[in-house]
Amino acid sequence: MIYAGNRVSNKNNLAMGMVTLFILVIFILNSKSIFLLIIIPTLFFINAIEAYYFEITEDELIIKNYMLPFLKKRYKLSKITQVQFLEMNYRSPTKAQVKVIQQDKQSMRFKATSLSIPDWKLLVNDLHEKKIQVVIEVYSLKETIGIPEQ
């Protein structure tokens, strides 16, 4: 199952689009500033680091980035000891990010700003069904979806 939320019109993408349009208008009106064109790719990459989504197959947890499709990380479900849902300070309706732990290895934190609470709930429940320990440290998720019984 894929847990992607609203990849097209989420708050981050809309904000990036408006800022990009604003920068392009300023560039067109004042074409002397090449610096403005450097800002656009920078904003794109800032937005892309928060553009992850998740997929669970029979034996893998796959984490993909919808803005940079070559960014993909696969984890064997049998090797995952814990999935943590950690607090994120801004730009997400649920303020959550995911960290995967495999024995003594920890992944980076994957920010998925396109996911809404129902998406997170499905992800948490499906991980629990696959017998993976889930730790939720995000208040908005704990309050809304709770923590599955182990």
N, C-alpha and C. Protein backbone atom coordinates (compact mmCIF):
# COMPACT_ATOMS: atom_id res chain seq x y z
N MET A 1 0.84 -1.18 0.00
CA MET A 1 0.00 0.00 0.00
C MET A 1 0.89 1.24 0.00
N ILE A 2 0.43 2.28 -0.66
CA ILE A 2 1.19 3.53 -0.75
C ILE A 2 0.55 4.58 0.15
N TYR A 3 1.38 5.27 0.92
CA TYR A 3 0.94 6.33 1.83
C TYR A 3 1.59 7.61 1.33
N ALA A 4 0.87 8.35 0.49
CA ALA A 4 1.47 9.51 -0.17
C ALA A 4 0.77 10.82 0.16
N GLY A 5 -0.44 10.77 0.60
CA GLY A 5 -1.15 12.02 0.88
C GLY A 5 -1.41 12.80 -0.39
N ASN A 6 -1.39 14.10 -0.28
CA ASN A 6 -1.65 14.98 -1.40
C ASN A 6 -0.32 15.52 -1.92
N ARG A 7 0.25 14.84 -2.90
CA ARG A 7 1.57 15.19 -3.40
C ARG A 7 1.57 16.43 -4.29
N VAL A 8 0.43 16.78 -4.85
CA VAL A 8 0.40 17.89 -5.80
C VAL A 8 0.11 19.22 -5.11
N SER A 9 -0.96 19.29 -4.38
CA SER A 9 -1.38 20.60 -3.85
C SER A 9 -1.29 20.69 -2.34
N ASN A 10 -0.22 20.17 -1.77
CA ASN A 10 -0.04 20.35 -0.33
C ASN A 10 0.52 21.75 -0.05
N LYS A 11 0.53 22.15 1.19
CA LYS A 11 0.94 23.51 1.57
C LYS A 11 2.35 23.86 1.10
N ASN A 12 3.27 22.92 1.22
CA ASN A 12 4.66 23.20 0.82
C ASN A 12 4.77 23.49 -0.66
N ASN A 13 4.13 22.66 -1.48
CA ASN A 13 4.22 22.87 -2.92
C ASN A 13 3.54 24.17 -3.34
N LEU A 14 2.41 24.48 -2.74
CA LEU A 14 1.73 25.74 -3.07
C LEU A 14 2.59 26.95 -2.68
N ALA A 15 3.18 26.89 -1.50
CA ALA A 15 4.04 28.00 -1.06
C ALA A 15 5.26 28.14 -1.97
N MET A 16 5.87 27.01 -2.33
CA MET A 16 7.03 27.07 -3.22
C MET A 16 6.63 27.64 -4.59
N GLY A 17 5.49 27.24 -5.10
CA GLY A 17 5.03 27.75 -6.39
C GLY A 17 4.80 29.25 -6.36
N MET A 18 4.19 29.75 -5.28
CA MET A 18 3.94 31.19 -5.18
C MET A 18 5.25 31.97 -5.08
N VAL A 19 6.18 31.49 -4.27
CA VAL A 19 7.47 32.16 -4.12
C VAL A 19 8.24 32.14 -5.44
N THR A 20 8.22 31.00 -6.14
CA THR A 20 8.91 30.90 -7.43
C THR A 20 8.31 31.88 -8.44
N LEU A 21 7.00 31.94 -8.48
CA LEU A 21 6.34 32.88 -9.38
C LEU A 21 6.71 34.33 -9.04
N PHE A 22 6.73 34.65 -7.77
CA PHE A 22 7.11 35.99 -7.31
C PHE A 22 8.55 36.31 -7.73
N ILE A 23 9.46 35.36 -7.56
CA ILE A 23 10.86 35.57 -7.94
C ILE A 23 10.99 35.75 -9.45
N LEU A 24 10.26 34.97 -10.21
CA LEU A 24 10.30 35.11 -11.67
C LEU A 24 9.78 36.48 -12.13
N VAL A 25 8.72 36.96 -11.49
CA VAL A 25 8.19 38.29 -11.84
C VAL A 25 9.22 39.37 -11.53
N ILE A 26 9.86 39.27 -10.36
CA ILE A 26 10.90 40.25 -10.00
C ILE A 26 12.05 40.16 -10.99
N PHE A 27 12.45 38.95 -11.39
CA PHE A 27 13.54 38.77 -12.34
C PHE A 27 13.20 39.40 -13.69
N ILE A 28 11.97 39.21 -14.14
CA ILE A 28 11.55 39.77 -15.42
C ILE A 28 11.54 41.30 -15.36
N LEU A 29 11.10 41.86 -14.25
CA LEU A 29 11.06 43.31 -14.11
C LEU A 29 12.44 43.92 -13.91
N ASN A 30 13.34 43.16 -13.28
CA ASN A 30 14.68 43.65 -13.00
C ASN A 30 15.67 42.57 -13.43
N SER A 31 15.92 42.48 -14.73
CA SER A 31 16.71 41.36 -15.27
C SER A 31 18.20 41.45 -14.95
N LYS A 32 18.60 42.40 -14.14
CA LYS A 32 20.03 42.52 -13.80
C LYS A 32 20.46 41.55 -12.70
N SER A 33 19.51 40.96 -12.01
CA SER A 33 19.84 40.13 -10.86
C SER A 33 19.76 38.64 -11.18
N ILE A 34 20.88 38.06 -11.55
CA ILE A 34 20.97 36.62 -11.80
C ILE A 34 20.83 35.85 -10.48
N PHE A 35 21.16 36.49 -9.39
CA PHE A 35 21.05 35.86 -8.07
C PHE A 35 19.65 35.32 -7.82
N LEU A 36 18.64 35.99 -8.32
CA LEU A 36 17.27 35.53 -8.12
C LEU A 36 17.03 34.16 -8.75
N LEU A 37 17.69 33.88 -9.86
CA LEU A 37 17.51 32.57 -10.50
C LEU A 37 18.23 31.46 -9.73
N ILE A 38 19.20 31.81 -8.92
CA ILE A 38 19.87 30.82 -8.08
C ILE A 38 18.96 30.42 -6.92
N ILE A 39 18.11 31.31 -6.49
CA ILE A 39 17.22 31.04 -5.37
C ILE A 39 16.20 29.95 -5.72
N ILE A 40 15.74 29.91 -6.95
CA ILE A 40 14.68 28.97 -7.33
C ILE A 40 15.13 27.51 -7.14
N PRO A 41 16.30 27.08 -7.67
CA PRO A 41 16.71 25.69 -7.40
C PRO A 41 16.94 25.41 -5.91
N THR A 42 17.42 26.43 -5.20
CA THR A 42 17.62 26.27 -3.76
C THR A 42 16.29 26.00 -3.06
N LEU A 43 15.27 26.77 -3.40
CA LEU A 43 13.94 26.54 -2.82
C LEU A 43 13.40 25.17 -3.20
N PHE A 44 13.65 24.75 -4.43
CA PHE A 44 13.20 23.44 -4.87
C PHE A 44 13.80 22.34 -3.99
N PHE A 45 15.11 22.39 -3.75
CA PHE A 45 15.75 21.35 -2.95
C PHE A 45 15.33 21.42 -1.48
N ILE A 46 15.09 22.61 -0.97
CA ILE A 46 14.58 22.73 0.40
C ILE A 46 13.22 22.06 0.50
N ASN A 47 12.38 22.29 -0.49
CA ASN A 47 11.06 21.67 -0.51
C ASN A 47 11.16 20.15 -0.72
N ALA A 48 12.12 19.74 -1.54
CA ALA A 48 12.25 18.31 -1.86
C ALA A 48 12.69 17.47 -0.67
N ILE A 49 13.43 18.04 0.26
CA ILE A 49 13.86 17.24 1.42
C ILE A 49 12.70 16.93 2.36
N GLU A 50 11.54 17.55 2.11
CA GLU A 50 10.35 17.26 2.91
C GLU A 50 9.28 16.56 2.08
N ALA A 51 9.65 15.99 0.95
CA ALA A 51 8.68 15.43 0.00
C ALA A 51 8.75 13.91 -0.08
N TYR A 52 8.84 13.25 1.06
CA TYR A 52 8.89 11.79 1.06
C TYR A 52 7.50 11.21 1.21
N TYR A 53 7.36 10.00 0.72
CA TYR A 53 6.15 9.22 0.96
C TYR A 53 6.56 7.76 1.12
N PHE A 54 5.64 6.92 1.56
CA PHE A 54 5.98 5.57 1.98
C PHE A 54 5.15 4.53 1.24
N GLU A 55 5.75 3.36 1.10
CA GLU A 55 5.05 2.23 0.50
C GLU A 55 5.44 0.98 1.28
N ILE A 56 4.45 0.17 1.59
CA ILE A 56 4.72 -1.11 2.24
C ILE A 56 4.31 -2.21 1.27
N THR A 57 5.26 -3.09 0.97
CA THR A 57 4.98 -4.26 0.14
C THR A 57 4.95 -5.47 1.06
N GLU A 58 4.91 -6.64 0.49
CA GLU A 58 4.90 -7.87 1.30
C GLU A 58 6.09 -7.97 2.24
N ASP A 59 7.27 -7.54 1.76
CA ASP A 59 8.46 -7.72 2.57
C ASP A 59 9.34 -6.49 2.71
N GLU A 60 8.87 -5.33 2.23
CA GLU A 60 9.71 -4.13 2.29
C GLU A 60 8.92 -2.89 2.70
N LEU A 61 9.63 -1.98 3.34
CA LEU A 61 9.18 -0.61 3.53
C LEU A 61 10.02 0.22 2.57
N ILE A 62 9.34 0.88 1.65
CA ILE A 62 10.05 1.67 0.65
C ILE A 62 9.72 3.14 0.90
N ILE A 63 10.77 3.94 0.98
CA ILE A 63 10.60 5.37 1.20
C ILE A 63 11.08 6.08 -0.06
N LYS A 64 10.18 6.86 -0.66
CA LYS A 64 10.46 7.52 -1.93
C LYS A 64 10.26 9.03 -1.79
N ASN A 65 10.85 9.75 -2.72
CA ASN A 65 10.69 11.20 -2.77
C ASN A 65 9.96 11.53 -4.07
N TYR A 66 8.82 12.23 -3.98
CA TYR A 66 8.05 12.49 -5.19
C TYR A 66 8.59 13.66 -6.00
N MET A 67 9.49 14.47 -5.46
CA MET A 67 10.09 15.56 -6.23
C MET A 67 11.43 15.16 -6.85
N LEU A 68 12.11 14.25 -6.21
CA LEU A 68 13.39 13.72 -6.71
C LEU A 68 13.25 12.20 -6.79
N PRO A 69 12.67 11.68 -7.86
CA PRO A 69 12.33 10.26 -7.93
C PRO A 69 13.51 9.29 -7.81
N PHE A 70 14.72 9.77 -8.02
CA PHE A 70 15.88 8.89 -7.87
C PHE A 70 16.22 8.65 -6.40
N LEU A 71 15.64 9.42 -5.47
CA LEU A 71 15.84 9.18 -4.04
C LEU A 71 14.86 8.12 -3.59
N LYS A 72 15.39 6.97 -3.27
CA LYS A 72 14.55 5.85 -2.85
C LYS A 72 15.35 5.00 -1.87
N LYS A 73 14.73 4.63 -0.78
CA LYS A 73 15.39 3.80 0.22
C LYS A 73 14.49 2.61 0.52
N ARG A 74 15.07 1.42 0.51
CA ARG A 74 14.32 0.19 0.78
C ARG A 74 14.81 -0.44 2.08
N TYR A 75 13.85 -0.87 2.90
CA TYR A 75 14.16 -1.56 4.14
C TYR A 75 13.40 -2.88 4.16
N LYS A 76 14.09 -3.96 4.41
CA LYS A 76 13.43 -5.26 4.58
C LYS A 76 12.65 -5.22 5.90
N LEU A 77 11.39 -5.59 5.84
CA LEU A 77 10.55 -5.57 7.04
C LEU A 77 11.11 -6.50 8.11
N SER A 78 11.70 -7.59 7.71
CA SER A 78 12.26 -8.55 8.67
C SER A 78 13.44 -7.99 9.45
N LYS A 79 14.09 -6.96 8.92
CA LYS A 79 15.26 -6.39 9.58
C LYS A 79 14.94 -5.13 10.38
N ILE A 80 13.74 -4.60 10.24
CA ILE A 80 13.36 -3.39 10.97
C ILE A 80 12.98 -3.77 12.39
N THR A 81 13.63 -3.12 13.36
CA THR A 81 13.29 -3.38 14.76
C THR A 81 12.30 -2.35 15.30
N GLN A 82 12.30 -1.15 14.70
CA GLN A 82 11.40 -0.11 15.20
C GLN A 82 11.25 0.98 14.15
N VAL A 83 10.07 1.59 14.11
CA VAL A 83 9.84 2.78 13.31
C VAL A 83 9.37 3.86 14.26
N GLN A 84 10.07 4.98 14.26
CA GLN A 84 9.74 6.09 15.15
C GLN A 84 9.08 7.21 14.37
N PHE A 85 8.04 7.78 14.94
CA PHE A 85 7.40 8.97 14.39
C PHE A 85 7.78 10.11 15.32
N LEU A 86 8.65 10.97 14.83
CA LEU A 86 9.26 12.01 15.66
C LEU A 86 8.68 13.38 15.34
N GLU A 87 8.81 14.27 16.28
CA GLU A 87 8.30 15.64 16.17
C GLU A 87 9.09 16.41 15.11
N MET A 88 8.37 17.19 14.34
CA MET A 88 8.97 18.10 13.37
C MET A 88 8.41 19.48 13.68
N ASN A 89 9.22 20.49 13.60
CA ASN A 89 8.82 21.80 14.10
C ASN A 89 7.88 22.60 13.22
N TYR A 90 7.85 22.35 11.91
CA TYR A 90 7.09 23.25 11.06
C TYR A 90 6.67 22.59 9.76
N ARG A 91 5.86 23.30 8.98
CA ARG A 91 5.50 23.00 7.59
C ARG A 91 4.84 21.65 7.37
N SER A 92 4.22 21.11 8.35
CA SER A 92 3.51 19.86 8.16
C SER A 92 2.24 19.90 8.97
N PRO A 93 1.13 19.44 8.42
CA PRO A 93 -0.11 19.47 9.19
C PRO A 93 -0.03 18.62 10.45
N THR A 94 0.77 17.58 10.42
CA THR A 94 0.89 16.71 11.60
C THR A 94 2.20 16.88 12.33
N LYS A 95 3.12 17.61 11.75
CA LYS A 95 4.44 17.85 12.35
C LYS A 95 5.17 16.54 12.67
N ALA A 96 5.13 15.59 11.74
CA ALA A 96 5.74 14.28 11.97
C ALA A 96 6.82 13.98 10.93
N GLN A 97 7.80 13.21 11.37
CA GLN A 97 8.83 12.69 10.49
C GLN A 97 9.14 11.26 10.94
N VAL A 98 9.67 10.46 10.04
CA VAL A 98 9.85 9.04 10.29
C VAL A 98 11.33 8.69 10.35
N LYS A 99 11.66 7.84 11.31
CA LYS A 99 13.02 7.30 11.43
C LYS A 99 12.90 5.78 11.54
N VAL A 100 13.66 5.07 10.73
CA VAL A 100 13.64 3.61 10.71
C VAL A 100 14.88 3.10 11.44
N ILE A 101 14.67 2.14 12.34
CA ILE A 101 15.78 1.57 13.10
C ILE A 101 15.89 0.08 12.77
N GLN A 102 17.09 -0.31 12.37
CA GLN A 102 17.41 -1.72 12.08
C GLN A 102 18.54 -2.13 13.01
N GLN A 103 18.22 -2.93 14.00
CA GLN A 103 19.19 -3.36 15.00
C GLN A 103 19.97 -2.16 15.51
N ASP A 104 21.24 -1.98 15.13
CA ASP A 104 22.02 -0.87 15.64
C ASP A 104 22.16 0.28 14.64
N LYS A 105 21.46 0.20 13.51
CA LYS A 105 21.53 1.25 12.49
C LYS A 105 20.26 2.09 12.53
N GLN A 106 20.44 3.40 12.39
CA GLN A 106 19.30 4.31 12.34
C GLN A 106 19.33 5.05 11.01
N SER A 107 18.16 5.23 10.45
CA SER A 107 18.06 5.97 9.20
C SER A 107 18.06 7.46 9.47
N MET A 108 18.13 8.22 8.40
CA MET A 108 17.90 9.65 8.53
C MET A 108 16.42 9.85 8.84
N ARG A 109 16.03 11.06 9.13
CA ARG A 109 14.62 11.36 9.38
C ARG A 109 13.98 11.77 8.06
N PHE A 110 12.92 11.06 7.72
CA PHE A 110 12.22 11.32 6.47
C PHE A 110 11.00 12.18 6.76
N LYS A 111 10.97 13.37 6.19
CA LYS A 111 9.87 14.30 6.38
C LYS A 111 8.85 14.11 5.26
N ALA A 112 7.61 13.93 5.64
CA ALA A 112 6.55 13.68 4.66
C ALA A 112 5.43 14.69 4.88
N THR A 113 5.64 15.89 4.38
CA THR A 113 4.68 16.96 4.64
C THR A 113 3.38 16.81 3.87
N SER A 114 3.34 15.91 2.90
CA SER A 114 2.10 15.74 2.12
C SER A 114 1.10 14.82 2.81
N LEU A 115 1.52 14.09 3.83
CA LEU A 115 0.62 13.16 4.50
C LEU A 115 -0.28 13.86 5.51
N SER A 116 -1.54 13.44 5.53
CA SER A 116 -2.48 13.95 6.51
C SER A 116 -2.64 12.89 7.62
N ILE A 117 -3.40 13.21 8.63
CA ILE A 117 -3.56 12.29 9.76
C ILE A 117 -4.13 10.94 9.34
N PRO A 118 -5.13 10.87 8.45
CA PRO A 118 -5.59 9.53 8.02
C PRO A 118 -4.50 8.71 7.33
N ASP A 119 -3.62 9.36 6.57
CA ASP A 119 -2.50 8.65 5.94
C ASP A 119 -1.54 8.09 6.98
N TRP A 120 -1.21 8.93 7.97
CA TRP A 120 -0.32 8.48 9.04
C TRP A 120 -0.95 7.31 9.80
N LYS A 121 -2.26 7.41 10.05
CA LYS A 121 -2.95 6.34 10.79
C LYS A 121 -2.86 5.02 10.02
N LEU A 122 -3.10 5.05 8.71
CA LEU A 122 -2.99 3.83 7.90
C LEU A 122 -1.58 3.27 7.96
N LEU A 123 -0.58 4.14 7.85
CA LEU A 123 0.81 3.70 7.90
C LEU A 123 1.13 3.04 9.24
N VAL A 124 0.74 3.69 10.32
CA VAL A 124 1.00 3.14 11.66
C VAL A 124 0.31 1.78 11.82
N ASN A 125 -0.95 1.69 11.44
CA ASN A 125 -1.69 0.43 11.58
C ASN A 125 -1.09 -0.68 10.73
N ASP A 126 -0.69 -0.36 9.51
CA ASP A 126 -0.10 -1.38 8.64
C ASP A 126 1.27 -1.84 9.14
N LEU A 127 2.06 -0.94 9.69
CA LEU A 127 3.33 -1.33 10.30
C LEU A 127 3.08 -2.26 11.48
N HIS A 128 2.07 -1.92 12.27
CA HIS A 128 1.72 -2.74 13.43
C HIS A 128 1.26 -4.14 12.98
N GLU A 129 0.48 -4.20 11.92
CA GLU A 129 0.04 -5.50 11.39
C GLU A 129 1.21 -6.34 10.91
N LYS A 130 2.27 -5.69 10.45
CA LYS A 130 3.47 -6.40 9.99
C LYS A 130 4.40 -6.74 11.15
N LYS A 131 3.92 -6.54 12.37
CA LYS A 131 4.66 -6.86 13.60
C LYS A 131 5.92 -6.03 13.78
N ILE A 132 5.83 -4.76 13.38
CA ILE A 132 6.95 -3.83 13.57
C ILE A 132 6.60 -2.90 14.72
N GLN A 133 7.53 -2.75 15.65
CA GLN A 133 7.30 -1.88 16.79
C GLN A 133 7.23 -0.43 16.31
N VAL A 134 6.19 0.28 16.75
CA VAL A 134 5.98 1.67 16.37
C VAL A 134 6.06 2.53 17.62
N VAL A 135 6.85 3.59 17.54
CA VAL A 135 6.96 4.56 18.62
C VAL A 135 6.50 5.90 18.09
N ILE A 136 5.48 6.47 18.74
CA ILE A 136 4.94 7.75 18.29
C ILE A 136 5.27 8.80 19.35
N GLU A 137 6.06 9.80 18.97
CA GLU A 137 6.42 10.88 19.87
C GLU A 137 5.75 12.20 19.47
N VAL A 138 4.92 12.16 18.46
CA VAL A 138 4.26 13.36 17.96
C VAL A 138 2.91 13.48 18.64
N TYR A 139 2.71 14.57 19.37
CA TYR A 139 1.50 14.73 20.15
C TYR A 139 0.24 14.67 19.30
N SER A 140 0.24 15.35 18.15
CA SER A 140 -0.97 15.37 17.31
C SER A 140 -1.34 13.98 16.80
N LEU A 141 -0.35 13.14 16.56
CA LEU A 141 -0.64 11.77 16.13
C LEU A 141 -1.07 10.90 17.30
N LYS A 142 -0.39 11.02 18.43
CA LYS A 142 -0.76 10.24 19.61
C LYS A 142 -2.21 10.51 19.99
N GLU A 143 -2.54 11.79 20.00
CA GLU A 143 -3.88 12.20 20.41
C GLU A 143 -4.95 11.69 19.45
N THR A 144 -4.66 11.70 18.16
CA THR A 144 -5.66 11.36 17.16
C THR A 144 -5.73 9.87 16.86
N ILE A 145 -4.60 9.23 16.67
CA ILE A 145 -4.64 7.82 16.25
C ILE A 145 -4.24 6.86 17.35
N GLY A 146 -3.61 7.36 18.41
CA GLY A 146 -3.19 6.49 19.49
C GLY A 146 -2.02 5.62 19.09
N ILE A 147 -1.63 4.76 19.99
CA ILE A 147 -0.53 3.84 19.74
C ILE A 147 -1.11 2.44 19.75
N PRO A 148 -0.88 1.67 18.69
CA PRO A 148 -1.44 0.31 18.64
C PRO A 148 -0.91 -0.55 19.78
N GLU A 149 -1.74 -1.45 20.24
CA GLU A 149 -1.33 -2.41 21.28
C GLU A 149 -0.28 -3.35 20.69
N GLN A 150 0.80 -3.58 21.43
CA GLN A 150 1.86 -4.49 20.95
C GLN A 150 1.55 -5.92 21.30
